[in-house]
Protein backbone atom coordinates (compact mmCIF):
# COMPACT_ATOMS: atom_id res chain seq x y z
CA UNK A 1 102.00 -224.52 -31.48
CA UNK A 2 100.50 -227.19 -29.18
CA UNK A 3 99.72 -229.41 -32.19
CA UNK A 4 103.29 -229.07 -33.46
CA UNK A 5 104.71 -230.04 -30.05
CA UNK A 6 102.40 -233.05 -29.82
CA UNK A 7 103.41 -234.27 -33.26
CA UNK A 8 107.08 -233.79 -32.44
CA UNK A 9 106.66 -235.77 -29.21
CA UNK A 10 104.92 -238.62 -31.02
CA UNK A 11 107.60 -238.63 -33.72
CA UNK A 12 110.32 -238.85 -31.06
CA UNK A 13 108.56 -241.72 -29.30
CA UNK A 14 108.11 -243.57 -32.56
CA UNK A 15 111.78 -243.23 -33.30
CA UNK A 16 112.88 -244.45 -29.86
CA UNK A 17 110.45 -247.31 -29.32
CA UNK A 18 110.06 -249.91 -32.09
CA UNK A 19 106.43 -250.10 -33.10
CA UNK A 20 104.61 -252.16 -35.69
CA UNK A 21 104.25 -250.14 -38.91
CA UNK A 22 100.48 -249.98 -38.55
CA UNK A 23 100.73 -248.69 -34.98
CA UNK A 24 103.27 -246.04 -35.91
CA UNK A 25 101.06 -244.92 -38.79
CA UNK A 26 98.13 -244.61 -36.43
CA UNK A 27 100.08 -242.55 -33.91
CA UNK A 28 101.37 -240.26 -36.63
CA UNK A 29 97.99 -239.74 -38.18
CA UNK A 30 98.24 -242.46 -40.84
CA UNK A 31 95.73 -245.17 -41.66
CA UNK A 32 93.79 -246.31 -38.52
CA UNK A 33 94.52 -249.62 -36.89
CA UNK A 34 92.26 -252.49 -37.89
CA UNK A 35 89.98 -252.95 -34.91
CA UNK A 36 89.40 -256.61 -33.98
CA UNK A 37 85.84 -257.60 -34.58
CA UNK A 38 83.84 -257.98 -31.41
CA UNK A 39 83.02 -261.62 -30.82
CA UNK A 40 79.35 -262.30 -30.56
CA UNK A 41 78.28 -263.14 -26.98
CA UNK A 42 76.44 -266.09 -28.49
CA UNK A 43 79.44 -267.88 -29.98
CA UNK A 44 79.74 -271.23 -28.25
CA UNK A 45 82.97 -273.20 -28.62
CA UNK A 46 80.98 -276.33 -27.96
CA UNK A 47 78.63 -275.63 -30.84
CA UNK A 48 81.47 -274.83 -33.23
CA UNK A 49 83.45 -277.93 -32.34
CA UNK A 50 80.63 -280.40 -32.94
CA UNK A 51 79.93 -282.04 -36.30
CA UNK A 52 76.80 -281.40 -38.30
CA UNK A 53 73.95 -283.76 -37.51
CA UNK A 54 71.85 -283.23 -40.60
CA UNK A 55 73.14 -286.31 -42.40
CA UNK A 56 72.33 -288.90 -39.77
CA UNK A 57 69.26 -287.24 -38.33
CA UNK A 58 67.66 -286.89 -41.74
CA UNK A 59 68.66 -290.44 -42.60
CA UNK A 60 66.71 -291.69 -39.59
CA UNK A 61 63.80 -289.29 -40.28
CA UNK A 62 62.91 -289.04 -36.61
CA UNK A 63 64.25 -289.87 -33.19
CA UNK A 64 64.29 -288.96 -29.53
CA UNK A 65 67.41 -288.96 -27.34
CA UNK A 66 67.16 -288.58 -23.58
CA UNK A 67 69.90 -288.26 -20.98
CA UNK A 68 69.25 -288.59 -17.24
CA UNK A 69 71.53 -288.58 -14.23
CA UNK A 70 69.82 -290.60 -11.49
CA UNK A 71 68.33 -293.66 -13.21
CA UNK A 72 69.71 -296.90 -14.59
CA UNK A 73 69.02 -297.65 -18.27
CA UNK A 74 66.20 -300.01 -17.29
CA UNK A 75 64.64 -297.48 -14.91
CA UNK A 76 64.93 -294.71 -17.50
CA UNK A 77 63.20 -296.73 -20.22
CA UNK A 78 60.37 -297.68 -17.89
CA UNK A 79 59.95 -294.08 -16.73
CA UNK A 80 59.91 -292.65 -20.26
CA UNK A 81 57.55 -295.29 -21.66
CA UNK A 82 55.42 -295.48 -18.53
CA UNK A 83 56.10 -299.21 -18.43
CA UNK A 84 54.96 -299.84 -22.00
CA UNK A 85 58.24 -301.43 -23.08
CA UNK A 86 59.69 -304.91 -23.11
CA UNK A 87 63.37 -305.84 -23.12
CA UNK A 88 64.99 -308.16 -25.65
CA UNK A 89 68.21 -310.11 -25.46
CA UNK A 90 69.48 -308.96 -28.85
CA UNK A 91 69.12 -306.05 -31.23
CA UNK A 92 67.80 -308.39 -33.91
CA UNK A 93 65.00 -309.63 -31.67
CA UNK A 94 63.99 -306.07 -30.80
CA UNK A 95 64.08 -305.01 -34.44
CA UNK A 96 61.96 -307.96 -35.48
CA UNK A 97 59.36 -307.04 -32.86
CA UNK A 98 59.11 -303.43 -34.03
CA UNK A 99 59.28 -304.29 -37.73
CA UNK A 100 56.65 -302.19 -39.55
CA UNK A 101 55.48 -305.32 -41.35
CA UNK A 102 54.61 -306.88 -38.01
CA UNK A 103 50.88 -307.08 -37.37
CA UNK A 104 50.15 -304.31 -34.87
CA UNK A 105 46.56 -304.04 -33.73
CA UNK A 106 46.79 -300.34 -32.89
CA UNK A 107 49.29 -297.54 -32.43
CA UNK A 108 52.95 -298.04 -33.25
CA UNK A 109 56.05 -299.78 -31.98
CA UNK A 110 59.24 -298.03 -30.99
CA UNK A 111 62.79 -299.46 -31.02
CA UNK A 112 64.75 -298.26 -28.00
CA UNK A 113 68.43 -298.59 -27.14
CA UNK A 114 69.52 -297.61 -23.63
CA UNK A 115 72.92 -297.51 -21.99
CA UNK A 116 75.48 -295.42 -20.16
CA UNK A 117 77.80 -292.66 -21.36
CA UNK A 118 80.15 -290.47 -19.30
CA UNK A 119 78.47 -291.50 -16.06
CA UNK A 120 74.98 -290.71 -17.35
CA UNK A 121 72.15 -292.83 -18.73
CA UNK A 122 70.85 -292.36 -22.25
CA UNK A 123 67.69 -293.63 -23.91
CA UNK A 124 67.63 -293.54 -27.72
CA UNK A 125 64.24 -293.94 -29.38
CA UNK A 126 64.50 -294.77 -33.05
CA UNK A 127 61.55 -293.06 -34.76
CA UNK A 128 59.92 -292.54 -31.36
CA UNK A 129 58.85 -289.37 -29.59
CA UNK A 130 58.00 -290.38 -26.02
CA UNK A 131 60.94 -288.40 -24.63
CA UNK A 132 59.25 -285.15 -25.67
CA UNK A 133 56.17 -285.95 -23.61
CA UNK A 134 55.85 -283.87 -20.44
CA UNK A 135 54.73 -286.85 -18.43
CA UNK A 136 57.80 -288.83 -19.47
CA UNK A 137 60.12 -285.92 -18.66
CA UNK A 138 58.57 -285.43 -15.23
CA UNK A 139 58.77 -289.12 -14.35
CA UNK A 140 62.38 -289.48 -15.52
CA UNK A 141 63.51 -286.33 -13.69
CA UNK A 142 61.71 -286.98 -10.44
CA UNK A 143 64.97 -287.32 -8.50
CA UNK A 144 67.36 -285.49 -10.79
CA UNK A 145 67.86 -283.97 -14.23
CA UNK A 146 66.50 -284.94 -17.63
CA UNK A 147 67.27 -283.44 -21.04
CA UNK A 148 65.82 -284.78 -24.28
CA UNK A 149 66.01 -283.85 -27.95
CA UNK A 150 63.26 -284.96 -30.32
CA UNK A 151 63.22 -284.37 -34.06
CA UNK A 152 61.06 -285.26 -37.01
CA UNK A 153 62.26 -284.03 -40.38
CA UNK A 154 58.71 -283.32 -41.50
CA UNK A 155 57.45 -281.68 -38.33
CA UNK A 156 59.62 -280.33 -35.56
CA UNK A 157 62.64 -280.40 -33.30
CA UNK A 158 61.95 -280.10 -29.59
CA UNK A 159 64.32 -279.75 -26.64
CA UNK A 160 62.91 -280.59 -23.20
CA UNK A 161 64.70 -279.87 -19.91
CA UNK A 162 63.22 -281.10 -16.63
CA UNK A 163 64.45 -281.15 -13.04
CA UNK A 164 62.95 -282.80 -9.99
CA UNK A 165 59.70 -283.65 -11.69
CA UNK A 166 59.08 -280.25 -13.29
CA UNK A 167 59.55 -278.90 -16.83
CA UNK A 168 62.19 -276.18 -16.52
CA UNK A 169 62.62 -275.15 -20.16
CA UNK A 170 61.70 -276.32 -23.65
CA UNK A 171 61.59 -275.32 -27.29
CA UNK A 172 58.79 -275.63 -29.82
CA UNK A 173 58.86 -276.79 -33.42
CA UNK A 174 62.19 -275.75 -34.98
CA UNK A 175 62.49 -272.52 -33.01
CA UNK A 176 65.41 -271.58 -30.74
CA UNK A 177 64.72 -271.28 -27.01
CA UNK A 178 62.93 -268.14 -25.92
CA UNK A 179 64.87 -265.65 -23.80
CA UNK A 180 63.35 -266.93 -20.55
CA UNK A 181 64.28 -270.51 -21.44
CA UNK A 182 67.84 -269.53 -22.37
CA UNK A 183 68.21 -268.01 -18.90
CA UNK A 184 67.26 -271.32 -17.32
CA UNK A 185 69.43 -273.40 -19.65
CA UNK A 186 72.41 -271.09 -19.19
CA UNK A 187 72.07 -271.23 -15.42
CA UNK A 188 72.49 -275.00 -15.67
CA UNK A 189 75.54 -274.98 -17.92
CA UNK A 190 74.32 -274.38 -21.48
CA UNK A 191 75.94 -271.78 -23.73
CA UNK A 192 73.39 -269.62 -25.58
CA UNK A 193 73.65 -269.40 -29.36
CA UNK A 194 72.06 -267.06 -31.85
CA UNK A 195 68.81 -267.87 -33.59
CA UNK A 196 70.78 -268.11 -36.83
CA UNK A 197 73.08 -270.77 -35.39
CA UNK A 198 70.10 -272.69 -34.00
CA UNK A 199 68.23 -272.48 -37.30
CA UNK A 200 71.19 -273.88 -39.24
CA UNK A 201 70.90 -277.22 -37.42
CA UNK A 202 68.36 -277.29 -34.57
CA UNK A 203 69.10 -280.91 -33.74
CA UNK A 204 72.82 -280.31 -33.30
CA UNK A 205 72.18 -277.14 -31.31
CA UNK A 206 69.82 -279.00 -28.99
CA UNK A 207 72.13 -281.97 -28.57
CA UNK A 208 75.01 -279.67 -27.66
CA UNK A 209 72.84 -277.99 -25.03
CA UNK A 210 71.98 -281.46 -23.75
CA UNK A 211 75.66 -282.44 -23.52
CA UNK A 212 76.58 -279.20 -21.73
CA UNK A 213 73.86 -279.48 -19.10
CA UNK A 214 74.51 -283.17 -18.48
CA UNK A 215 78.30 -282.83 -18.42
CA UNK A 216 79.00 -285.11 -21.38
CA UNK A 217 82.30 -285.09 -23.24
CA UNK A 218 80.49 -284.71 -26.59
CA UNK A 219 77.00 -284.57 -27.97
CA UNK A 220 75.04 -287.70 -28.83
CA UNK A 221 75.79 -289.57 -32.03
CA UNK A 222 74.77 -292.95 -33.49
CA UNK A 223 77.85 -294.68 -32.02
CA UNK A 224 76.10 -294.60 -28.65
CA UNK A 225 73.82 -297.38 -29.87
CA UNK A 226 76.84 -299.62 -30.38
CA UNK A 227 78.40 -299.14 -26.94
CA UNK A 228 79.16 -302.24 -24.84
CA UNK A 229 76.39 -303.23 -22.49
CA UNK A 230 73.52 -301.36 -24.16
CA UNK A 231 70.01 -302.71 -23.68
CA UNK A 232 67.50 -303.31 -26.46
CA UNK A 233 63.84 -302.57 -25.92
CA UNK A 234 60.62 -302.41 -27.85
CA UNK A 235 57.71 -300.24 -26.81
CA UNK A 236 54.14 -300.43 -28.07
CA UNK A 237 51.74 -297.50 -27.90
């Protein structure tokens, strides 16, 4: 009897209040409503809105992009290279100096472009890796925040986050940040992503984290090297 009354009540309500067909069917014992899929807690709008980086990062084979908040471009380059860089008036002069055909007694030479973006300073090492060095990160972050992304298509992709002269979080090889590092990165503005998302394009994932922590409008891309007022440097190691 109770079941019959309940069904009659539901039928009356369905007749009086317009309901979507699927909702009425559910109330009357028909096919269940399609439940919306739960969104993963690791879906980052920033990650989804950014372009893939594979094309240009693989084209350049390797690189290192740093962003700092308390140094000028000149100061940032000197901090990252520990003073082992010289400035050139033009891009062509810098490129000539770092040309692989140039006679270099030892080590290698690194082309560097430095400038400003969204109120921050960036240092772009073309084929270099100094920004992934702990000493460089500590020097560049001594009075503020430093985030760098290094990649080498044959070796690794490494994110380094430093504050006030200390390494706060980092990744190794191509791997996503460990849980403890995500906690630190998230506390400073980064949106965690799944390991699958990170693995799809570690460089993009790292650059988005960099942009989120440093408050940039978008992640780094090669157009930065063409911005007005950029400085051209060469570093020898």
